[in-house]
Amino acid sequence: MLALAAIFYAVASWMVAPGFYDGFGPTQPYNWTCPPPQAGANLKPSSGHLVIKVIDGSSDPNSAFTDDGQLVIGFLPGAFMVDGKTSITVDVTPLDSCPQPPGVRFVTNVYDVKASAPLDPQKSANLVLIYSNLEPDPSDIYQAPAPDGPWTKLPRSQQGQPFTIVARTTTFGYFAAGYPATSAPPGAVTVGGGQLLPIIVAVLIVLVVLAGLPLAVMRRRRSSRGKDA
């Protein structure tokens, strides 16, 4: 059976056009706080720190990000309510635990994003989270004032690059990407590290071959009877 599966997998892979998988996988392995069993070797996720200048009472445009690039949050000019400050600090810290609140299934680390000044509600920040192809695709980014919640879904922003999810926020707190636990996980068929597509194609090939066997046997029997006559 293993040999048969290998043959069908090779046929399925050959049927996929060259370059089909190019750009469909994350550029580097995801750094997990709580790695899934299939993750293998793992590095701990990184934190990030940013100092934003305030000039003439307005904060500069800038982006805070973790050293491994798994979270990026961008700020517009004047995004902060500076209240006389000459600079704004932003800190991003991965949570050292992995909460799974009721009704939500997180597929990324949970990150704590703090700043020394609040955001202007009229100038929301753009938040980007990278996720792994070892878990189902998230449908939304969730935010909470504390690790134990309550967690609320953020408005989705424009479509991001592969293996990224984008949302907008006007407040800081804890952030993670996931999907409703009561629904089927989105993106169940992945292309990349899992490479489930060739396997699915291989299964379809097997079904087609098996479906055609009775017809082939019938034709062979008819041919044999014709020769005997």
C-alpha atoms as a PDB file:
ATOM      1  CA  MET A   1       0.000   0.000   0.000  1.00  0.00           C
ATOM      2  CA  LEU A   2       2.847   2.405   0.801  1.00  0.00           C
ATOM      3  CA  ALA A   3       4.407   1.799  -2.599  1.00  0.00           C
ATOM      4  CA  LEU A   4       1.045   2.362  -4.286  1.00  0.00           C
ATOM      5  CA  ALA A   5       0.530   5.569  -2.326  1.00  0.00           C
ATOM      6  CA  ALA A   6       3.997   6.775  -3.313  1.00  0.00           C
ATOM      7  CA  ILE A   7       3.268   6.126  -6.987  1.00  0.00           C
ATOM      8  CA  PHE A   8      -0.041   7.982  -6.871  1.00  0.00           C
ATOM      9  CA  TYR A   9       1.571  10.852  -4.956  1.00  0.00           C
ATOM     10  CA  ALA A  10       4.258  11.135  -7.626  1.00  0.00           C
ATOM     11  CA  VAL A  11       1.631  11.155 -10.359  1.00  0.00           C
ATOM     12  CA  ALA A  12      -0.367  13.818  -8.536  1.00  0.00           C
ATOM     13  CA  SER A  13       2.723  15.972  -8.013  1.00  0.00           C
ATOM     14  CA  TRP A  14       3.614  15.633 -11.696  1.00  0.00           C
ATOM     15  CA  MET A  15       0.120  16.819 -12.648  1.00  0.00           C
ATOM     16  CA  VAL A  16       0.637  20.109 -10.758  1.00  0.00           C
ATOM     17  CA  ALA A  17       2.212  22.779 -12.937  1.00  0.00           C
ATOM     18  CA  PRO A  18       5.881  23.656 -12.222  1.00  0.00           C
ATOM     19  CA  GLY A  19       6.207  26.511  -9.772  1.00  0.00           C
ATOM     20  CA  PHE A  20       2.748  25.887  -8.343  1.00  0.00           C
ATOM     21  CA  TYR A  21       4.057  25.870  -4.782  1.00  0.00           C
ATOM     22  CA  ASP A  22       6.364  28.867  -5.193  1.00  0.00           C
ATOM     23  CA  GLY A  23       5.577  31.539  -2.625  1.00  0.00           C
ATOM     24  CA  PHE A  24       2.904  29.470  -0.860  1.00  0.00           C
ATOM     25  CA  GLY A  25       4.913  28.753   2.287  1.00  0.00           C
ATOM     26  CA  PRO A  26       6.085  31.018   5.091  1.00  0.00           C
ATOM     27  CA  THR A  27       9.562  32.421   4.516  1.00  0.00           C
ATOM     28  CA  GLN A  28      10.745  30.911   7.803  1.00  0.00           C
ATOM     29  CA  PRO A  29       9.399  28.515  10.446  1.00  0.00           C
ATOM     30  CA  TYR A  30       6.992  30.007  12.951  1.00  0.00           C
ATOM     31  CA  ASN A  31       8.365  30.614  16.444  1.00  0.00           C
ATOM     32  CA  TRP A  32       5.857  29.157  18.875  1.00  0.00           C
ATOM     33  CA  THR A  33       5.158  29.795  22.540  1.00  0.00           C
ATOM     34  CA  CYS A  34       3.382  26.425  22.627  1.00  0.00           C
ATOM     35  CA  PRO A  35       4.486  24.510  19.512  1.00  0.00           C
ATOM     36  CA  PRO A  36       2.129  21.880  18.068  1.00  0.00           C
ATOM     37  CA  PRO A  37       3.467  18.300  17.956  1.00  0.00           C
ATOM     38  CA  GLN A  38       4.212  18.524  14.227  1.00  0.00           C
ATOM     39  CA  ALA A  39       6.359  21.657  14.592  1.00  0.00           C
ATOM     40  CA  GLY A  40       9.644  19.882  15.331  1.00  0.00           C
ATOM     41  CA  ALA A  41      12.516  22.111  16.440  1.00  0.00           C
ATOM     42  CA  ASN A  42      11.307  25.437  17.763  1.00  0.00           C
ATOM     43  CA  LEU A  43      12.672  28.837  18.727  1.00  0.00           C
ATOM     44  CA  LYS A  44      10.916  31.011  21.264  1.00  0.00           C
ATOM     45  CA  PRO A  45       9.074  34.007  19.773  1.00  0.00           C
ATOM     46  CA  SER A  46      10.733  37.413  19.915  1.00  0.00           C
ATOM     47  CA  SER A  47       9.672  40.696  21.468  1.00  0.00           C
ATOM     48  CA  GLY A  48       9.939  44.197  20.004  1.00  0.00           C
ATOM     49  CA  HIS A  49      10.575  47.766  21.165  1.00  0.00           C
ATOM     50  CA  LEU A  50      10.129  51.090  19.386  1.00  0.00           C
ATOM     51  CA  VAL A  51      10.656  54.741  20.270  1.00  0.00           C
ATOM     52  CA  ILE A  52       8.592  57.162  18.167  1.00  0.00           C
ATOM     53  CA  LYS A  53       9.588  60.811  17.985  1.00  0.00           C
ATOM     54  CA  VAL A  54       7.084  63.568  18.662  1.00  0.00           C
ATOM     55  CA  ILE A  55       7.749  66.721  16.623  1.00  0.00           C
ATOM     56  CA  ASP A  56       5.684  69.877  17.039  1.00  0.00           C
ATOM     57  CA  GLY A  57       3.107  67.966  19.059  1.00  0.00           C
ATOM     58  CA  SER A  58       2.605  65.210  16.466  1.00  0.00           C
ATOM     59  CA  SER A  59       3.980  61.664  16.548  1.00  0.00           C
ATOM     60  CA  ASP A  60       5.992  60.475  13.558  1.00  0.00           C
ATOM     61  CA  PRO A  61       4.710  57.650  11.346  1.00  0.00           C
ATOM     62  CA  ASN A  62       6.429  54.398  12.269  1.00  0.00           C
ATOM     63  CA  SER A  63       6.004  50.656  12.802  1.00  0.00           C
ATOM     64  CA  ALA A  64       6.713  48.465  15.804  1.00  0.00           C
ATOM     65  CA  PHE A  65       7.567  44.827  15.183  1.00  0.00           C
ATOM     66  CA  THR A  66       8.958  41.752  16.869  1.00  0.00           C
ATOM     67  CA  ASP A  67      12.516  40.774  15.998  1.00  0.00           C
ATOM     68  CA  ASP A  68      11.238  37.675  14.185  1.00  0.00           C
ATOM     69  CA  GLY A  69       8.656  39.714  12.252  1.00  0.00           C
ATOM     70  CA  GLN A  70       5.651  37.716  13.464  1.00  0.00           C
ATOM     71  CA  LEU A  71       3.797  40.853  14.561  1.00  0.00           C
ATOM     72  CA  VAL A  72       3.937  44.285  12.934  1.00  0.00           C
ATOM     73  CA  ILE A  73       1.838  47.278  13.962  1.00  0.00           C
ATOM     74  CA  GLY A  74       1.985  50.454  11.885  1.00  0.00           C
ATOM     75  CA  PHE A  75       1.074  53.974  12.964  1.00  0.00           C
ATOM     76  CA  LEU A  76      -0.020  56.965  10.891  1.00  0.00           C
ATOM     77  CA  PRO A  77       1.397  60.469  11.418  1.00  0.00           C
ATOM     78  CA  GLY A  78      -0.155  61.909  14.566  1.00  0.00           C
ATOM     79  CA  ALA A  79      -1.615  58.530  15.544  1.00  0.00           C
ATOM     80  CA  PHE A  80      -0.954  59.067  19.267  1.00  0.00           C
ATOM     81  CA  MET A  81      -2.537  61.452  21.743  1.00  0.00           C
ATOM     82  CA  VAL A  82       0.848  62.751  22.903  1.00  0.00           C
ATOM     83  CA  ASP A  83      -0.302  65.098  25.712  1.00  0.00           C
ATOM     84  CA  GLY A  84       2.979  67.035  25.841  1.00  0.00           C
ATOM     85  CA  LYS A  85       5.284  64.019  25.411  1.00  0.00           C
ATOM     86  CA  THR A  86       8.457  64.285  23.296  1.00  0.00           C
ATOM     87  CA  SER A  87       8.523  60.581  22.429  1.00  0.00           C
ATOM     88  CA  ILE A  88       6.287  57.509  22.536  1.00  0.00           C
ATOM     89  CA  THR A  89       7.476  54.007  23.400  1.00  0.00           C
ATOM     90  CA  VAL A  90       5.805  50.860  22.077  1.00  0.00           C
ATOM     91  CA  ASP A  91       6.582  47.384  23.412  1.00  0.00           C
ATOM     92  CA  VAL A  92       5.475  44.050  21.954  1.00  0.00           C
ATOM     93  CA  THR A  93       5.851  40.963  24.163  1.00  0.00           C
ATOM     94  CA  PRO A  94       4.736  37.401  23.376  1.00  0.00           C
ATOM     95  CA  LEU A  95       2.693  35.919  26.191  1.00  0.00           C
ATOM     96  CA  ASP A  96       4.459  33.007  27.909  1.00  0.00           C
ATOM     97  CA  SER A  97       1.232  30.987  27.984  1.00  0.00           C
ATOM     98  CA  CYS A  98      -1.314  29.944  25.378  1.00  0.00           C
ATOM     99  CA  PRO A  99      -4.879  30.751  26.447  1.00  0.00           C
ATOM    100  CA  GLN A 100      -7.712  29.216  24.443  1.00  0.00           C
ATOM    101  CA  PRO A 101     -10.855  31.156  25.397  1.00  0.00           C
ATOM    102  CA  PRO A 102     -14.293  29.550  25.056  1.00  0.00           C
ATOM    103  CA  GLY A 103     -15.642  29.765  21.534  1.00  0.00           C
ATOM    104  CA  VAL A 104     -12.319  30.696  19.915  1.00  0.00           C
ATOM    105  CA  ARG A 105      -9.435  28.577  18.618  1.00  0.00           C
ATOM    106  CA  PHE A 106      -6.169  30.541  18.474  1.00  0.00           C
ATOM    107  CA  VAL A 107      -3.585  29.446  15.885  1.00  0.00           C
ATOM    108  CA  THR A 108      -0.910  32.050  16.702  1.00  0.00           C
ATOM    109  CA  ASN A 109       0.929  33.195  19.786  1.00  0.00           C
ATOM    110  CA  VAL A 110      -0.759  35.764  22.005  1.00  0.00           C
ATOM    111  CA  TYR A 111       1.038  39.126  22.021  1.00  0.00           C
ATOM    112  CA  ASP A 112       0.873  41.956  24.540  1.00  0.00           C
ATOM    113  CA  VAL A 113       1.192  45.352  22.813  1.00  0.00           C
ATOM    114  CA  LYS A 114       1.665  48.373  25.075  1.00  0.00           C
ATOM    115  CA  ALA A 115       2.421  52.048  24.447  1.00  0.00           C
ATOM    116  CA  SER A 116       3.185  55.058  26.631  1.00  0.00           C
ATOM    117  CA  ALA A 117       0.308  57.004  25.051  1.00  0.00           C
ATOM    118  CA  PRO A 118      -3.141  56.052  23.727  1.00  0.00           C
ATOM    119  CA  LEU A 119      -4.058  56.054  20.067  1.00  0.00           C
ATOM    120  CA  ASP A 120      -6.191  58.733  18.491  1.00  0.00           C
ATOM    121  CA  PRO A 121      -9.535  56.967  17.853  1.00  0.00           C
ATOM    122  CA  GLN A 122      -9.657  58.647  14.441  1.00  0.00           C
ATOM    123  CA  LYS A 123      -6.285  57.180  13.379  1.00  0.00           C
ATOM    124  CA  SER A 124      -6.372  53.432  13.847  1.00  0.00           C
ATOM    125  CA  ALA A 125      -3.215  51.336  13.721  1.00  0.00           C
ATOM    126  CA  ASN A 126      -2.702  48.596  11.150  1.00  0.00           C
ATOM    127  CA  LEU A 127      -1.932  45.238  12.808  1.00  0.00           C
ATOM    128  CA  VAL A 128      -0.372  42.338  10.892  1.00  0.00           C
ATOM    129  CA  LEU A 129       0.113  38.847  12.316  1.00  0.00           C
ATOM    130  CA  ILE A 130       2.015  36.056  10.603  1.00  0.00           C
ATOM    131  CA  TYR A 131       0.687  32.519  11.070  1.00  0.00           C
ATOM    132  CA  SER A 132       2.010  29.034  10.341  1.00  0.00           C
ATOM    133  CA  ASN A 133       0.959  26.552   7.685  1.00  0.00           C
ATOM    134  CA  LEU A 134       1.001  23.863  10.384  1.00  0.00           C
ATOM    135  CA  GLU A 135      -2.350  25.109  11.688  1.00  0.00           C
ATOM    136  CA  PRO A 136      -5.624  26.014   9.931  1.00  0.00           C
ATOM    137  CA  ASP A 137      -5.824  29.548   8.566  1.00  0.00           C
ATOM    138  CA  PRO A 138      -7.258  32.072  11.029  1.00  0.00           C
ATOM    139  CA  SER A 139     -10.369  33.998  10.049  1.00  0.00           C
ATOM    140  CA  ASP A 140      -9.893  36.988  12.365  1.00  0.00           C
ATOM    141  CA  ILE A 141      -7.613  38.789  14.802  1.00  0.00           C
ATOM    142  CA  TYR A 142      -8.937  38.964  18.359  1.00  0.00           C
ATOM    143  CA  GLN A 143      -8.144  41.511  21.071  1.00  0.00           C
ATOM    144  CA  ALA A 144      -8.533  41.509  24.861  1.00  0.00           C
ATOM    145  CA  PRO A 145      -7.605  43.823  27.750  1.00  0.00           C
ATOM    146  CA  ALA A 146      -6.177  40.832  29.664  1.00  0.00           C
ATOM    147  CA  PRO A 147      -5.084  37.264  28.808  1.00  0.00           C
ATOM    148  CA  ASP A 148      -8.263  35.844  30.343  1.00  0.00           C
ATOM    149  CA  GLY A 149     -10.432  38.103  28.167  1.00  0.00           C
ATOM    150  CA  PRO A 150     -12.971  39.074  27.217  1.00  0.00           C
ATOM    151  CA  TRP A 151     -11.797  38.561  23.636  1.00  0.00           C
ATOM    152  CA  THR A 152     -13.423  40.537  20.835  1.00  0.00           C
ATOM    153  CA  LYS A 153     -13.022  40.248  17.079  1.00  0.00           C
ATOM    154  CA  LEU A 154     -11.308  43.144  15.304  1.00  0.00           C
ATOM    155  CA  PRO A 155     -12.536  44.526  11.970  1.00  0.00           C
ATOM    156  CA  ARG A 156     -10.674  42.906   9.102  1.00  0.00           C
ATOM    157  CA  SER A 157      -8.508  45.133   6.952  1.00  0.00           C
ATOM    158  CA  GLN A 158      -7.316  44.601   3.394  1.00  0.00           C
ATOM    159  CA  GLN A 159      -6.206  41.161   2.266  1.00  0.00           C
ATOM    160  CA  GLY A 160      -2.638  40.510   3.390  1.00  0.00           C
ATOM    161  CA  GLN A 161       0.171  38.507   1.864  1.00  0.00           C
ATOM    162  CA  PRO A 162       0.058  34.687   2.103  1.00  0.00           C
ATOM    163  CA  PHE A 163       0.228  33.490   5.719  1.00  0.00           C
ATOM    164  CA  THR A 164      -0.576  36.938   7.107  1.00  0.00           C
ATOM    165  CA  ILE A 165      -3.785  38.368   8.519  1.00  0.00           C
ATOM    166  CA  VAL A 166      -4.468  42.100   8.851  1.00  0.00           C
ATOM    167  CA  ALA A 167      -6.813  44.104  11.082  1.00  0.00           C
ATOM    168  CA  ARG A 168      -7.155  47.624  12.441  1.00  0.00           C
ATOM    169  CA  THR A 169      -7.218  48.690  16.085  1.00  0.00           C
ATOM    170  CA  THR A 170      -7.620  51.922  18.035  1.00  0.00           C
ATOM    171  CA  THR A 171      -6.557  50.453  21.386  1.00  0.00           C
ATOM    172  CA  PHE A 172      -3.703  48.380  22.767  1.00  0.00           C
ATOM    173  CA  GLY A 173      -3.865  45.117  24.684  1.00  0.00           C
ATOM    174  CA  TYR A 174      -3.494  41.423  23.887  1.00  0.00           C
ATOM    175  CA  PHE A 175      -3.783  40.148  20.325  1.00  0.00           C
ATOM    176  CA  ALA A 176      -3.979  36.722  18.663  1.00  0.00           C
ATOM    177  CA  ALA A 177      -5.341  35.272  15.428  1.00  0.00           C
ATOM    178  CA  GLY A 178      -7.818  32.428  15.297  1.00  0.00           C
ATOM    179  CA  TYR A 179     -11.261  31.286  14.233  1.00  0.00           C
ATOM    180  CA  PRO A 180     -14.595  30.491  15.946  1.00  0.00           C
ATOM    181  CA  ALA A 181     -14.328  27.106  17.624  1.00  0.00           C
ATOM    182  CA  THR A 182     -17.927  26.313  16.697  1.00  0.00           C
ATOM    183  CA  SER A 183     -17.225  26.478  12.955  1.00  0.00           C
ATOM    184  CA  ALA A 184     -15.079  24.396  10.652  1.00  0.00           C
ATOM    185  CA  PRO A 185     -11.532  25.772  10.474  1.00  0.00           C
ATOM    186  CA  PRO A 186     -10.991  27.902   7.365  1.00  0.00           C
ATOM    187  CA  GLY A 187      -8.219  26.985   4.981  1.00  0.00           C
ATOM    188  CA  ALA A 188      -8.325  23.267   5.800  1.00  0.00           C
ATOM    189  CA  VAL A 189      -6.674  22.505   2.465  1.00  0.00           C
ATOM    190  CA  THR A 190      -3.210  24.017   2.678  1.00  0.00           C
ATOM    191  CA  VAL A 191      -0.519  24.379   0.077  1.00  0.00           C
ATOM    192  CA  GLY A 192       2.963  24.551   1.481  1.00  0.00           C
ATOM    193  CA  GLY A 193       4.439  22.564   4.353  1.00  0.00           C
ATOM    194  CA  GLY A 194       1.415  20.258   4.534  1.00  0.00           C
ATOM    195  CA  GLN A 195       1.052  19.898   0.760  1.00  0.00           C
ATOM    196  CA  LEU A 196      -2.363  18.291   1.119  1.00  0.00           C
ATOM    197  CA  LEU A 197      -3.404  19.149  -2.425  1.00  0.00           C
ATOM    198  CA  PRO A 198      -1.308  16.415  -4.123  1.00  0.00           C
ATOM    199  CA  ILE A 199      -2.571  13.892  -1.578  1.00  0.00           C
ATOM    200  CA  ILE A 200      -6.173  14.840  -2.322  1.00  0.00           C
ATOM    201  CA  VAL A 201      -5.488  14.580  -6.051  1.00  0.00           C
ATOM    202  CA  ALA A 202      -3.869  11.178  -5.453  1.00  0.00           C
ATOM    203  CA  VAL A 203      -6.947   9.972  -3.588  1.00  0.00           C
ATOM    204  CA  LEU A 204      -9.136  11.147  -6.460  1.00  0.00           C
ATOM    205  CA  ILE A 205      -6.913   9.251  -8.905  1.00  0.00           C
ATOM    206  CA  VAL A 206      -7.289   6.112  -6.795  1.00  0.00           C
ATOM    207  CA  LEU A 207     -11.078   6.516  -6.781  1.00  0.00           C
ATOM    208  CA  VAL A 208     -11.152   6.995 -10.548  1.00  0.00           C
ATOM    209  CA  VAL A 209      -8.983   3.918 -11.086  1.00  0.00           C
ATOM    210  CA  LEU A 210     -11.102   1.814  -8.741  1.00  0.00           C
ATOM    211  CA  ALA A 211     -14.303   3.039 -10.382  1.00  0.00           C
ATOM    212  CA  GLY A 212     -12.977   1.997 -13.778  1.00  0.00           C
ATOM    213  CA  LEU A 213     -11.897  -1.502 -12.732  1.00  0.00           C
ATOM    214  CA  PRO A 214     -15.343  -3.171 -13.081  1.00  0.00           C
ATOM    215  CA  LEU A 215     -15.750  -1.747 -16.588  1.00  0.00           C
ATOM    216  CA  ALA A 216     -12.288  -2.949 -17.577  1.00  0.00           C
ATOM    217  CA  VAL A 217     -13.026  -6.451 -16.240  1.00  0.00           C
ATOM    218  CA  MET A 218     -16.325  -6.587 -18.141  1.00  0.00           C
ATOM    219  CA  ARG A 219     -14.635  -5.562 -21.389  1.00  0.00           C
ATOM    220  CA  ARG A 220     -11.909  -8.151 -20.904  1.00  0.00           C
ATOM    221  CA  ARG A 221     -14.475 -10.899 -20.299  1.00  0.00           C
ATOM    222  CA  ARG A 222     -16.410  -9.903 -23.422  1.00  0.00           C
ATOM    223  CA  SER A 223     -13.205  -9.953 -25.447  1.00  0.00           C
ATOM    224  CA  SER A 224     -12.346 -13.435 -24.159  1.00  0.00           C
ATOM    225  CA  ARG A 225     -15.818 -14.750 -25.013  1.00  0.00           C
ATOM    226  CA  GLY A 226     -15.543 -13.346 -28.529  1.00  0.00           C
ATOM    227  CA  LYS A 227     -12.275 -15.164 -29.134  1.00  0.00           C
ATOM    228  CA  ASP A 228     -13.670 -18.451 -27.796  1.00  0.00           C
ATOM    229  CA  ALA A 229     -16.632 -18.186 -30.174  1.00  0.00           C
END
